[in-house]
Amino acid sequence: MNVWGQLNRLSEARLVVAQRAARVAAQLARSYEGAVVYREKGRRDLVTLADHRAQEWIRKEIGESFPEDGFLGEEDGDAGVGEALRALRALGGRVWVVDPLDGTTNFVHRLPHYCVSIACFEQGEPWIGVVYDAHREEMFTAVRGGGAFLGDRRLSVSDCGELEEALVAISLAAHVDPASSEVRDLLGLLARAQAVRRMGSAALNLAYLAAGRFDAYWARHGKIWDIAAGVLLVSEAGGVVTGVTGEPLDWERPHCAAAATAVLHGELLDAAAGS
């Protein structure tokens, strides 16, 4: 049975809208390639007109279909994320968490590795996740309890159980202090993993982990819109996801350690900690 057979009507309707919104937002973003107008959040932390236009489209599409749902987008900034999630947990409501263009620096440099990430939270946890690879036109979807899919193909993480055989993806902050814990994490992983990749899109890192292309993923400083959909993909594909010290994820401060297997996850934590 594919994902459709395991959805209730509300989840199915939201998944359809999320997929449609992701496809159109990706097309909209691609229309700005080659004529990028951008302003800087910081010298290395970029935001483009494409980010804003894509988010506006997604907000409109979701708002027209589900006006009672909440909405948090990357271009809205961090303010109010914690308060919104706490309120929705208490009320049992739904909120959409969106990164309209994950991999903006890649986009600015015309590197075809970026995506649209859309998650729908219910009672404080991601219930629906969509990651759409804008250039490969790959649609990754997950519904809590219904599995993870690439198109109609059910996904499963790899069976990698040793860090020495693992291809590990890592996300680093836009501004990295050479003396920071992030650099220590990276050095620890480089010393033990088969290889480490910094690809520039957290959502695609997690989608690729769910698909068995990566074996593990590490991010000490994440944002909820970077990882929400991808975390659900990995969990539904059979992977293990926690915070970077092994604790449950805190969506208000979402650092992330994810791996295909429990044994590999333990080795990932040890290596990044320098054990």
Foldseek 3Di string as FASTA:
>chain_A
DFLVVVDDPVVVVVQVLVVVLFQVLLVQLVVCFPPWDWDCPDPQHTDTPSQVVSVVSSCVSCCVVPVPEAEAEVVVPLPPPVVVLVVQLVVQGKYKYWRSWQQVVCRNVVNQFIWIWIFMDTNNATAKIWTARSVVRWIWIFGVPRAIDTVRHGFAADPDQFQQAFEEEEEDDSDDDCPDLSVLLVVLSPVGHVYYDHDRAQQVRLLCRRRHNGFKYFYQFDALNRPRRSVRSLVRNQKDKDALQRHHADNSGGTIIIGNDPNVSVVSSCSSVPD
